[in-house]
Amino acid sequence: MSIRLHVLGAARVVTGSSYLFEARGRRIMVDCGMFQGTKTIKELNYRAFPFRPGDVDAVLLTHAHIDHSGLLPKLTKAGYRGPIHATRATVDLCSIMLPDSGHIQEMEVEQLNRRRSRKGEPRVEPIYTAVDAVACLQQFRAVDYGKWLPLGDGIRARYWNAGHILGSASIELEFPGETAEAAPVRVLMSGDLGPDAKLFHPDPDGPTDLDLVVCEATYGDRDRPATTVDSRRHVLAAEVTAAARRGGPLLIPCFAVERTQEILADLLASMAAGEVPEAPIFVDSPLAIKATEIFETHAGELEDNAGLERLTNSPLVRFTESADQSRSLERLRGFHIIIAASGMADAGRIRHHLTNHLWRPSTTVLMVGYQAEGTLGRLLLDGARSVRIRGEAVKVQATIRMIDAYSGHADRTEVLDWLLARRPVRGGVMLVHAEERALDAFAPAVGEAIVAPERVLVPHLDDTLEIGAGFARIVTPAAPRRIEPDHVAGLDWHNDTAAFLAELHAALDKAADDRSRRIILRRLQRALAGEG
């Protein structure tokens, strides 16, 4: 029996998780995530799927984050009519996150079309709308951890706690062997694995005795210092105190689901303990407000839920729901805290707060999660002195800081420990959901501790695997790749253009006089004309 696994996303990047299994005439997807990062990689979101959505029999969803779930409304809009299986908490989170994603796309495309109209360029359509997302929700089906889910023709799946966010799961798939007497072929999709120091969740779990493990390696190149929930809070308190001394706002780009609730809980605990000065905290994310309500609904599933009630009852916390309320925050001066999505500053309300405050030396921007290559958050972390936000150049004079301890991902040692607990792994380990640097560092470690080095697989986008009892190998994709491998990772020409324009403006600003500026521009014009 031939089992094929098509790698449709998260190959040498950390976004767009999507995989399609073909076996026994069935087609089963695991995740259908949105690509984030450079414009080149995000353009994939607008293209047709590299398969026929109507031919898919079932979708299994590991968790609600948009880089894993974000293209599900596009999938159903394109003709998929089958079930979308997810844990109950993931179903609830997707019920707010997917419509919010559709709304954001509608708003951003509206702004983009205004700019395109001024240039005489044709309008573009959103990938999907909020209405499309609501329609997609009708196909969700809740599953329980630990119970086998039949998928037809003897194929079945089972969900395991992944410890990443509320409702997150690793998914075990079992395919019948080639004969009635043969052992089944067993594959485990890790999804995103949570770290040891998580406020709400136990450590990730999973089965043993597998033929293939498809494993995330987001932090495969680094180990975080040993931390606890308390020590993590003290690190945050030090950053907040430093931001207060600068005298301006503290902007925290933050995932609306779970990260916002963790940060908010620790901020309030630190203020209550007198570790940081009290200040108003604005949660400028309607999605985060709704997510907090879902957390309260699922409080019984959480490991430490004592702080949930404080999040919504504290007089220091103010939730801003409307766009007008959000815009009114720009009138505030002095030290205050704004928590807003998105976590990589690639979308959402955080972008207008950054536009309003990045140029102020008194501002602090605190990153509290992974920043993918090509995102605004990553550009700021990498030291950009000027960035473009919605077509506008913004000078960066704010202090940019990063705390790694709030990451929702396990680090190198934690993922390796999780893999060790899955042994024996007979066929191979496929590493995904990571950038090249992390993969280069992690693959040798997996080749020493888990499987033979030649059984560590690092696919490119649109690669296909053949899987069987005790083996897994990459085969050449039958169709042309959507993007050539060397164009997937790293910055693209759009980033280069933005960086060049920022350098040009800086050079013109520094020029001694108008004559010097004209000389710079003439040299550029000659270069463009090919005059050397």
Protein backbone atom coordinates (compact mmCIF):
# COMPACT_ATOMS: atom_id res chain seq x y z
CA MET A 1 0.00 0.00 0.00
CA SER A 2 1.40 3.41 -0.98
CA ILE A 3 1.02 6.31 1.43
CA ARG A 4 1.93 9.71 0.08
CA LEU A 5 2.36 12.89 2.08
CA HIS A 6 2.42 16.22 0.20
CA VAL A 7 4.20 19.05 2.04
CA LEU A 8 2.13 22.12 1.15
CA GLY A 9 3.46 24.56 3.75
CA ALA A 10 5.79 25.22 6.71
CA ALA A 11 8.74 23.84 4.72
CA ARG A 12 11.85 25.82 5.69
CA VAL A 13 9.54 28.58 6.96
CA VAL A 14 7.42 28.78 10.11
CA THR A 15 4.07 29.58 8.52
CA GLY A 16 1.48 28.07 6.19
CA SER A 17 1.32 24.64 7.86
CA SER A 18 -0.53 22.30 5.51
CA TYR A 19 -0.12 18.62 4.65
CA LEU A 20 -2.11 16.27 2.43
CA PHE A 21 -2.08 12.49 2.88
CA GLU A 22 -3.15 10.15 0.09
CA ALA A 23 -3.76 6.50 1.00
CA ARG A 24 -6.26 3.79 0.06
CA GLY A 25 -8.09 6.23 -2.21
CA ARG A 26 -8.59 8.70 0.64
CA ARG A 27 -7.24 12.25 0.87
CA ILE A 28 -6.78 13.63 4.37
CA MET A 29 -5.44 17.10 5.17
CA VAL A 30 -3.68 18.08 8.37
CA ASP A 31 -3.94 21.85 8.85
CA CYS A 32 -4.61 24.48 6.20
CA GLY A 33 -2.65 27.48 7.40
CA MET A 34 -2.05 30.95 6.10
CA PHE A 35 1.42 32.03 4.95
CA GLN A 36 2.95 35.02 6.75
CA GLY A 37 6.23 36.84 6.19
CA THR A 38 7.53 38.28 2.94
CA LYS A 39 5.19 39.43 0.18
CA THR A 40 6.55 36.62 -2.00
CA ILE A 41 5.49 33.93 0.48
CA LYS A 42 2.19 35.67 1.37
CA GLU A 43 1.28 35.74 -2.32
CA LEU A 44 0.71 31.97 -2.04
CA ASN A 45 -2.41 32.73 0.01
CA TYR A 46 -4.02 34.23 -3.09
CA ARG A 47 -3.15 31.41 -5.49
CA ALA A 48 -5.31 28.37 -6.19
CA PHE A 49 -4.62 25.33 -4.03
CA PRO A 50 -2.23 22.81 -5.64
CA PHE A 51 -4.98 20.15 -5.37
CA ARG A 52 -8.73 20.02 -5.93
CA PRO A 53 -10.46 20.96 -2.64
CA GLY A 54 -13.56 18.95 -3.57
CA ASP A 55 -11.47 15.75 -3.67
CA VAL A 56 -10.39 16.01 -0.02
CA ASP A 57 -12.22 13.61 2.32
CA ALA A 58 -11.37 15.06 5.75
CA VAL A 59 -9.40 17.83 7.44
CA LEU A 60 -7.67 17.38 10.79
CA LEU A 61 -6.73 20.61 12.58
CA THR A 62 -3.96 20.72 15.21
CA HIS A 63 -4.90 24.10 16.70
CA ALA A 64 -6.50 27.46 16.03
CA HIS A 65 -3.52 29.68 15.21
CA ILE A 66 -3.96 31.32 11.81
CA ASP A 67 -0.74 29.86 10.38
CA HIS A 68 -2.42 26.46 10.85
CA SER A 69 -6.12 27.26 10.31
CA GLY A 70 -6.18 30.51 8.34
CA LEU A 71 -6.96 29.15 4.86
CA LEU A 72 -9.80 26.86 5.92
CA PRO A 73 -12.46 29.39 4.80
CA LYS A 74 -10.71 29.59 1.43
CA LEU A 75 -10.75 25.77 1.27
CA THR A 76 -14.49 25.51 1.91
CA LYS A 77 -15.20 28.44 -0.42
CA ALA A 78 -13.24 26.57 -3.14
CA GLY A 79 -15.42 23.47 -2.85
CA TYR A 80 -14.40 21.39 0.17
CA ARG A 81 -17.55 19.93 1.70
CA GLY A 82 -16.22 17.44 4.27
CA PRO A 83 -15.71 17.68 8.03
CA ILE A 84 -13.03 19.72 9.81
CA HIS A 85 -12.07 17.77 12.94
CA ALA A 86 -10.66 19.69 15.91
CA THR A 87 -10.76 19.64 19.72
CA ARG A 88 -13.71 21.38 21.33
CA ALA A 89 -11.59 24.33 22.50
CA THR A 90 -10.10 24.71 19.00
CA VAL A 91 -13.60 24.75 17.49
CA ASP A 92 -14.56 27.54 19.90
CA LEU A 93 -11.41 29.56 19.21
CA CYS A 94 -11.79 29.19 15.44
CA SER A 95 -15.34 30.49 15.76
CA ILE A 96 -13.87 33.90 16.64
CA MET A 97 -10.44 33.77 14.98
CA LEU A 98 -11.46 32.88 11.44
CA PRO A 99 -14.18 35.56 11.11
CA ASP A 100 -11.70 38.03 12.60
CA SER A 101 -9.14 36.98 9.99
CA GLY A 102 -11.71 37.53 7.23
CA HIS A 103 -12.57 40.96 8.62
CA ILE A 104 -8.89 41.97 8.76
CA GLN A 105 -8.41 40.88 5.16
CA GLU A 106 -11.44 42.89 4.04
CA MET A 107 -10.16 46.01 5.83
CA GLU A 108 -6.59 45.67 4.57
CA VAL A 109 -7.67 44.99 0.99
CA GLU A 110 -9.93 48.04 1.16
CA GLN A 111 -6.94 50.18 2.15
CA LEU A 112 -4.77 48.53 -0.48
CA ASN A 113 -7.37 49.16 -3.18
CA ARG A 114 -7.43 52.87 -2.32
CA ARG A 115 -3.68 53.00 -2.99
CA ARG A 116 -4.03 50.91 -6.15
CA SER A 117 -6.83 53.14 -7.45
CA ARG A 118 -4.64 56.22 -7.04
CA LYS A 119 -1.98 54.46 -9.15
CA GLY A 120 -4.49 53.36 -11.77
CA GLU A 121 -3.98 49.69 -10.86
CA PRO A 122 -6.79 47.08 -10.82
CA ARG A 123 -8.54 46.21 -7.59
CA VAL A 124 -7.80 42.99 -5.72
CA GLU A 125 -10.20 40.78 -3.77
CA PRO A 126 -9.65 39.49 -0.22
CA ILE A 127 -8.65 35.84 0.12
CA TYR A 128 -11.98 35.38 1.89
CA THR A 129 -14.43 37.48 3.86
CA ALA A 130 -15.85 37.27 7.37
CA VAL A 131 -19.02 35.81 5.82
CA ASP A 132 -16.96 33.06 4.15
CA ALA A 133 -15.36 32.28 7.51
CA VAL A 134 -18.71 32.00 9.29
CA ALA A 135 -19.92 29.60 6.58
CA CYS A 136 -16.78 27.48 7.05
CA LEU A 137 -17.56 27.00 10.75
CA GLN A 138 -20.57 24.83 9.87
CA GLN A 139 -18.15 22.07 8.84
CA PHE A 140 -16.27 21.87 12.15
CA ARG A 141 -16.69 18.71 14.23
CA ALA A 142 -15.43 18.45 17.82
CA VAL A 143 -13.23 15.53 18.86
CA ASP A 144 -11.89 14.43 22.25
CA TYR A 145 -8.29 13.84 23.19
CA GLY A 146 -7.32 10.18 23.33
CA LYS A 147 -10.25 8.75 21.35
CA TRP A 148 -9.80 7.15 17.93
CA LEU A 149 -11.55 8.94 15.08
CA PRO A 150 -12.41 6.71 12.08
CA LEU A 151 -11.66 8.33 8.71
CA GLY A 152 -12.75 5.54 6.37
CA ASP A 153 -11.07 2.52 4.73
CA GLY A 154 -9.45 1.51 8.00
CA ILE A 155 -7.64 4.84 8.49
CA ARG A 156 -8.05 6.47 11.87
CA ALA A 157 -6.67 9.40 13.90
CA ARG A 158 -6.17 10.22 17.54
CA TYR A 159 -5.51 13.60 19.20
CA TRP A 160 -2.88 14.14 21.93
CA ASN A 161 -2.29 17.23 24.07
CA ALA A 162 0.48 19.42 22.56
CA GLY A 163 0.70 21.97 25.40
CA HIS A 164 0.93 24.89 22.96
CA ILE A 165 -2.35 26.80 23.33
CA LEU A 166 -5.85 26.00 24.53
CA GLY A 167 -7.08 23.01 22.51
CA SER A 168 -3.78 22.35 20.73
CA ALA A 169 -3.01 18.80 19.65
CA SER A 170 -0.51 16.48 18.09
CA ILE A 171 -2.32 14.11 15.74
CA GLU A 172 -1.55 10.41 15.36
CA LEU A 173 -2.65 8.78 12.10
CA GLU A 174 -2.85 5.03 11.62
CA PHE A 175 -3.04 3.42 8.16
CA PRO A 176 -3.76 -0.31 7.64
CA GLY A 177 -0.78 -2.48 6.69
CA GLU A 178 -0.33 -3.99 3.24
CA THR A 179 -1.87 -7.30 4.41
CA ALA A 180 -4.35 -8.23 7.10
CA GLU A 181 -1.48 -9.66 9.17
CA ALA A 182 0.86 -6.67 8.70
CA ALA A 183 1.24 -4.02 11.38
CA PRO A 184 -0.35 -0.66 10.61
CA VAL A 185 1.73 2.30 9.46
CA ARG A 186 1.74 4.97 12.13
CA VAL A 187 2.50 8.67 11.61
CA LEU A 188 2.55 11.43 14.22
CA MET A 189 2.08 15.10 13.33
CA SER A 190 3.52 17.11 16.20
CA GLY A 191 1.64 20.33 15.47
CA ASP A 192 3.17 23.11 17.59
CA LEU A 193 4.68 21.87 20.85
CA GLY A 194 4.50 23.96 24.01
CA PRO A 195 7.44 24.70 26.35
CA ASP A 196 7.84 23.54 29.93
CA ALA A 197 7.04 26.93 31.51
CA LYS A 198 3.43 27.42 30.38
CA LEU A 199 0.93 29.10 32.65
CA PHE A 200 -2.14 27.15 31.57
CA HIS A 201 -1.02 23.79 30.15
CA PRO A 202 0.72 20.54 31.07
CA ASP A 203 3.73 19.34 29.08
CA PRO A 204 2.97 17.89 25.62
CA ASP A 205 2.26 14.17 25.30
CA GLY A 206 2.14 11.62 22.49
CA PRO A 207 2.29 7.95 21.47
CA THR A 208 5.35 5.74 20.93
CA ASP A 209 6.36 3.17 18.31
CA LEU A 210 5.98 5.14 15.07
CA ASP A 211 7.03 4.94 11.44
CA LEU A 212 7.27 8.69 10.87
CA VAL A 213 7.19 11.77 13.07
CA VAL A 214 6.56 15.11 11.38
CA CYS A 215 8.05 17.46 13.96
CA GLU A 216 8.18 21.21 14.36
CA ALA A 217 11.66 22.72 14.86
CA THR A 218 10.90 26.42 15.35
CA TYR A 219 13.56 26.84 18.04
CA GLY A 220 15.82 24.04 16.86
CA ASP A 221 18.87 26.31 17.06
CA ARG A 222 18.48 27.56 20.60
CA ASP A 223 17.82 26.68 24.20
CA ARG A 224 16.20 29.20 26.45
CA PRO A 225 17.59 29.65 29.96
CA ALA A 226 15.80 27.44 32.45
CA THR A 227 12.73 29.35 33.53
CA THR A 228 9.61 29.11 35.63
CA VAL A 229 6.37 31.06 35.50
CA ASP A 230 7.64 33.22 38.40
CA SER A 231 11.07 33.91 36.89
CA ARG A 232 9.45 34.76 33.58
CA ARG A 233 7.25 37.31 35.33
CA HIS A 234 10.33 38.94 36.88
CA VAL A 235 11.92 39.31 33.42
CA LEU A 236 8.75 41.00 32.19
CA ALA A 237 8.71 43.27 35.25
CA ALA A 238 12.26 44.46 34.50
CA GLU A 239 11.26 45.37 30.92
CA VAL A 240 8.13 47.20 32.11
CA THR A 241 10.11 49.17 34.69
CA ALA A 242 12.66 50.22 32.05
CA ALA A 243 9.84 51.25 29.69
CA ALA A 244 8.23 53.34 32.44
CA ARG A 245 11.55 55.18 32.95
CA ARG A 246 11.60 56.12 29.26
CA GLY A 247 8.30 57.88 29.88
CA GLY A 248 6.39 56.85 26.77
CA PRO A 249 4.03 54.03 25.86
CA LEU A 250 4.92 50.36 26.04
CA LEU A 251 3.58 48.66 22.90
CA ILE A 252 3.31 44.86 23.02
CA PRO A 253 2.48 43.18 19.68
CA CYS A 254 0.77 40.07 20.93
CA PHE A 255 -1.13 37.03 19.69
CA ALA A 256 -4.72 37.55 20.80
CA VAL A 257 -5.12 33.95 21.92
CA GLU A 258 -3.30 32.85 25.07
CA ARG A 259 -0.23 35.11 24.79
CA THR A 260 -2.35 38.17 25.59
CA GLN A 261 -3.92 36.39 28.56
CA GLU A 262 -0.50 35.25 29.89
CA ILE A 263 1.06 38.70 29.54
CA LEU A 264 -1.97 40.36 31.11
CA ALA A 265 -1.96 37.93 34.06
CA ASP A 266 1.73 38.56 34.73
CA LEU A 267 1.43 42.34 34.37
CA LEU A 268 -1.40 42.44 36.91
CA ALA A 269 0.45 40.13 39.30
CA SER A 270 3.57 42.32 39.10
CA MET A 271 1.56 45.50 39.69
CA ALA A 272 -0.25 43.92 42.64
CA ALA A 273 3.11 42.89 44.15
CA GLY A 274 4.56 46.38 43.68
CA GLU A 275 7.23 45.09 41.29
CA VAL A 276 6.28 47.60 38.57
CA PRO A 277 4.49 50.95 38.68
CA GLU A 278 0.75 50.79 38.20
CA ALA A 279 -0.38 52.01 34.81
CA PRO A 280 -3.43 51.66 32.59
CA ILE A 281 -3.31 48.57 30.38
CA PHE A 282 -5.26 48.76 27.14
CA VAL A 283 -6.11 45.47 25.47
CA ASP A 284 -6.76 46.82 21.99
CA SER A 285 -8.05 43.65 20.38
CA PRO A 286 -11.71 42.61 20.12
CA LEU A 287 -10.43 39.12 19.35
CA ALA A 288 -8.47 38.98 22.61
CA ILE A 289 -11.58 40.01 24.53
CA LYS A 290 -13.59 37.18 22.98
CA ALA A 291 -10.71 34.74 23.46
CA THR A 292 -10.58 35.57 27.17
CA GLU A 293 -14.28 34.67 27.43
CA ILE A 294 -13.54 31.31 25.76
CA PHE A 295 -10.72 30.71 28.24
CA GLU A 296 -13.20 31.24 31.05
CA THR A 297 -15.58 28.73 29.42
CA HIS A 298 -12.77 26.15 29.27
CA ALA A 299 -11.25 27.01 32.66
CA GLY A 300 -11.68 23.41 33.84
CA GLU A 301 -9.24 22.24 31.14
CA LEU A 302 -6.51 24.65 32.21
CA GLU A 303 -3.74 23.74 34.63
CA ASP A 304 -3.60 27.12 36.42
CA ASN A 305 -6.80 29.11 36.03
CA ALA A 306 -6.63 31.18 39.21
CA GLY A 307 -5.68 34.37 37.38
CA LEU A 308 -8.43 34.31 34.75
CA GLU A 309 -11.01 36.17 36.81
CA ARG A 310 -8.53 38.96 37.58
CA LEU A 311 -8.03 39.61 33.85
CA THR A 312 -11.53 40.93 33.29
CA ASN A 313 -12.18 42.46 36.74
CA SER A 314 -9.10 44.62 37.28
CA PRO A 315 -9.72 48.40 37.22
CA LEU A 316 -6.32 48.78 35.51
CA VAL A 317 -7.41 46.84 32.42
CA ARG A 318 -9.43 48.57 29.72
CA PHE A 319 -10.71 46.68 26.70
CA THR A 320 -11.12 48.72 23.51
CA GLU A 321 -13.56 47.16 21.08
CA SER A 322 -14.43 49.77 18.47
CA ALA A 323 -12.09 51.30 15.91
CA ASP A 324 -12.87 54.76 17.32
CA GLN A 325 -11.82 53.65 20.81
CA SER A 326 -8.62 52.26 19.35
CA ARG A 327 -7.80 55.48 17.49
CA SER A 328 -8.48 57.55 20.60
CA LEU A 329 -5.47 55.92 22.30
CA GLU A 330 -3.10 57.95 20.14
CA ARG A 331 -4.01 61.02 22.21
CA LEU A 332 -2.55 59.49 25.37
CA ARG A 333 0.82 60.67 26.66
CA GLY A 334 3.09 59.39 29.40
CA PHE A 335 3.58 55.79 30.42
CA HIS A 336 0.80 53.37 29.53
CA ILE A 337 0.67 49.87 28.09
CA ILE A 338 -1.05 48.81 24.87
CA ILE A 339 -1.39 45.12 24.01
CA ALA A 340 -2.62 44.56 20.46
CA ALA A 341 -2.53 41.98 17.70
CA SER A 342 -0.96 40.75 15.60
CA GLY A 343 1.97 39.10 17.35
CA MET A 344 4.34 39.63 14.40
CA ALA A 345 2.97 43.13 13.72
CA ASP A 346 2.01 42.04 10.22
CA ALA A 347 -1.66 42.96 10.60
CA GLY A 348 -4.17 44.28 13.07
CA ARG A 349 -4.38 47.36 15.27
CA ILE A 350 -0.77 47.21 16.48
CA ARG A 351 0.25 48.63 13.11
CA HIS A 352 -1.41 52.00 13.62
CA HIS A 353 0.03 52.21 17.15
CA LEU A 354 3.48 51.57 15.71
CA THR A 355 2.88 54.22 13.04
CA ASN A 356 1.95 56.71 15.76
CA HIS A 357 4.77 55.92 18.18
CA LEU A 358 7.81 54.28 16.53
CA TRP A 359 9.35 57.67 15.80
CA ARG A 360 9.25 58.71 19.47
CA PRO A 361 12.46 57.96 21.48
CA SER A 362 10.35 57.54 24.64
CA THR A 363 8.43 54.58 23.16
CA THR A 364 9.24 50.95 23.96
CA VAL A 365 8.17 48.06 21.72
CA LEU A 366 8.34 44.68 23.44
CA MET A 367 8.19 41.51 21.33
CA VAL A 368 6.98 38.47 23.25
CA GLY A 369 6.86 35.77 20.56
CA TYR A 370 8.54 34.41 17.48
CA GLN A 371 8.99 36.88 14.61
CA ALA A 372 9.09 35.20 11.20
CA GLU A 373 11.44 36.40 8.48
CA GLY A 374 10.04 39.28 6.45
CA THR A 375 7.46 40.36 9.04
CA LEU A 376 7.41 43.88 10.44
CA GLY A 377 8.23 42.49 13.88
CA ARG A 378 11.35 40.75 12.58
CA LEU A 379 12.49 43.87 10.69
CA LEU A 380 12.23 45.90 13.90
CA LEU A 381 14.10 43.25 15.89
CA ASP A 382 16.84 43.17 13.27
CA GLY A 383 17.47 46.88 13.77
CA ALA A 384 15.65 48.59 10.89
CA ARG A 385 15.90 52.36 11.32
CA SER A 386 12.96 53.01 9.00
CA VAL A 387 10.02 50.78 8.05
CA ARG A 388 7.03 51.07 5.75
CA ILE A 389 3.60 50.57 7.28
CA ARG A 390 0.61 50.66 4.92
CA GLY A 391 2.71 52.44 2.31
CA GLU A 392 4.03 55.10 4.71
CA ALA A 393 7.70 55.41 5.71
CA VAL A 394 8.08 55.53 9.52
CA LYS A 395 11.35 56.37 11.24
CA VAL A 396 12.28 54.02 14.10
CA GLN A 397 13.55 55.80 17.20
CA ALA A 398 11.75 53.65 19.75
CA THR A 399 13.56 51.10 21.90
CA ILE A 400 12.89 47.60 20.55
CA ARG A 401 13.09 44.76 23.08
CA MET A 402 12.41 41.01 23.07
CA ILE A 403 11.45 38.45 25.70
CA ASP A 404 11.81 34.84 24.59
CA ALA A 405 10.36 33.30 27.74
CA TYR A 406 6.74 33.77 26.62
CA SER A 407 7.16 31.79 23.43
CA GLY A 408 4.49 29.16 22.92
CA HIS A 409 7.06 26.85 21.32
CA ALA A 410 9.33 24.30 22.98
CA ASP A 411 13.03 25.01 22.60
CA ARG A 412 15.69 22.69 21.16
CA THR A 413 16.12 20.49 24.23
CA GLU A 414 12.39 20.33 24.97
CA VAL A 415 11.56 19.18 21.43
CA LEU A 416 14.40 16.66 21.52
CA ASP A 417 13.11 15.29 24.85
CA TRP A 418 9.63 15.00 23.35
CA LEU A 419 11.05 13.08 20.37
CA LEU A 420 13.04 10.77 22.67
CA ALA A 421 9.79 9.91 24.44
CA ARG A 422 8.23 8.88 21.10
CA ARG A 423 10.80 6.14 20.35
CA PRO A 424 11.09 3.79 18.66
CA VAL A 425 10.74 5.74 15.40
CA ARG A 426 11.44 3.25 12.63
CA GLY A 427 11.10 5.19 9.39
CA GLY A 428 12.22 8.75 9.93
CA VAL A 429 11.70 12.21 11.40
CA MET A 430 10.65 15.04 9.09
CA LEU A 431 11.51 18.52 10.37
CA VAL A 432 9.16 21.37 9.48
CA HIS A 433 7.94 24.74 10.77
CA ALA A 434 11.44 26.25 11.03
CA GLU A 435 13.84 28.52 9.20
CA GLU A 436 17.07 27.25 7.64
CA ARG A 437 19.27 28.23 10.58
CA ALA A 438 17.15 26.24 13.05
CA LEU A 439 16.94 23.23 10.71
CA ASP A 440 20.70 23.18 10.12
CA ALA A 441 21.30 23.14 13.87
CA PHE A 442 18.58 20.66 14.84
CA ALA A 443 18.83 18.00 12.12
CA PRO A 444 22.23 16.65 13.32
CA ALA A 445 20.92 16.39 16.91
CA VAL A 446 17.92 14.36 15.74
CA GLY A 447 20.27 12.23 13.62
CA GLU A 448 22.28 11.40 16.74
CA ALA A 449 19.52 10.81 19.27
CA ILE A 450 16.41 9.59 17.44
CA VAL A 451 17.08 8.03 14.02
CA ALA A 452 20.03 7.50 11.69
CA PRO A 453 21.19 10.77 10.04
CA GLU A 454 19.94 9.69 6.61
CA ARG A 455 16.45 9.26 8.09
CA VAL A 456 16.21 12.92 9.10
CA LEU A 457 14.15 14.55 6.34
CA VAL A 458 14.05 18.30 5.67
CA PRO A 459 11.58 18.89 2.82
CA HIS A 460 11.15 21.83 0.50
CA LEU A 461 7.75 23.35 -0.25
CA ASP A 462 5.69 20.99 -2.47
CA ASP A 463 7.91 17.97 -1.84
CA THR A 464 6.17 14.59 -1.58
CA LEU A 465 7.02 11.77 0.81
CA GLU A 466 6.43 8.07 0.32
CA ILE A 467 5.73 6.36 3.63
CA GLY A 468 5.54 2.71 4.56
CA ALA A 469 6.30 0.33 7.41
CA GLY A 470 9.75 1.36 8.64
CA PHE A 471 10.56 3.84 5.89
CA ALA A 472 9.90 7.36 4.66
CA ARG A 473 11.61 9.08 1.76
CA ILE A 474 11.26 12.30 -0.22
CA VAL A 475 10.41 11.92 -3.89
CA THR A 476 10.51 14.55 -6.62
CA PRO A 477 7.22 16.50 -6.85
CA ALA A 478 5.16 15.55 -9.89
CA ALA A 479 4.10 19.14 -10.65
CA PRO A 480 6.23 22.30 -10.83
CA ARG A 481 6.82 23.91 -7.45
CA ARG A 482 4.77 27.00 -6.67
CA ILE A 483 7.95 28.77 -5.52
CA GLU A 484 11.51 27.68 -6.15
CA PRO A 485 13.28 26.65 -2.92
CA ASP A 486 15.74 29.56 -2.93
CA HIS A 487 12.82 32.04 -3.02
CA VAL A 488 10.94 30.61 -0.03
CA ALA A 489 13.20 31.56 2.87
CA GLY A 490 14.81 34.89 3.67
CA LEU A 491 13.92 38.41 2.63
CA ASP A 492 12.57 39.11 -0.86
CA TRP A 493 12.87 41.97 -3.35
CA HIS A 494 10.03 43.82 -1.66
CA ASN A 495 12.08 43.94 1.56
CA ASP A 496 15.16 44.97 -0.44
CA THR A 497 13.16 47.79 -2.06
CA ALA A 498 11.91 49.08 1.29
CA ALA A 499 15.43 48.95 2.74
CA PHE A 500 16.85 50.76 -0.31
CA LEU A 501 14.24 53.53 -0.10
CA ALA A 502 14.96 53.96 3.60
CA GLU A 503 18.71 54.26 2.88
CA LEU A 504 18.01 56.70 0.03
CA HIS A 505 15.89 58.95 2.23
CA ALA A 506 18.56 58.81 4.95
CA ALA A 507 21.27 59.74 2.45
CA LEU A 508 19.21 62.65 1.13
CA ASP A 509 18.54 63.87 4.67
CA LYS A 510 22.27 63.78 5.50
CA ALA A 511 23.37 65.52 2.29
CA ALA A 512 24.90 68.94 2.88
CA ASP A 513 22.65 70.86 0.50
CA ASP A 514 20.26 70.59 -2.45
CA ARG A 515 23.16 70.35 -4.92
CA SER A 516 24.47 67.25 -3.12
CA ARG A 517 21.02 65.72 -3.15
CA ARG A 518 20.70 66.26 -6.90
CA ILE A 519 24.06 64.57 -7.45
CA ILE A 520 22.86 61.50 -5.52
CA LEU A 521 19.67 61.34 -7.58
CA ARG A 522 21.47 61.82 -10.91
CA ARG A 523 23.84 58.97 -10.11
CA LEU A 524 20.88 56.73 -9.40
CA GLN A 525 19.18 57.80 -12.63
CA ARG A 526 22.33 56.99 -14.62
CA ALA A 527 22.54 53.58 -12.93
CA LEU A 528 18.93 52.84 -13.83
CA ALA A 529 19.59 53.91 -17.41
CA GLY A 530 22.52 51.49 -17.57
CA GLU A 531 25.12 54.20 -17.93
CA GLY A 532 27.33 52.75 -15.18
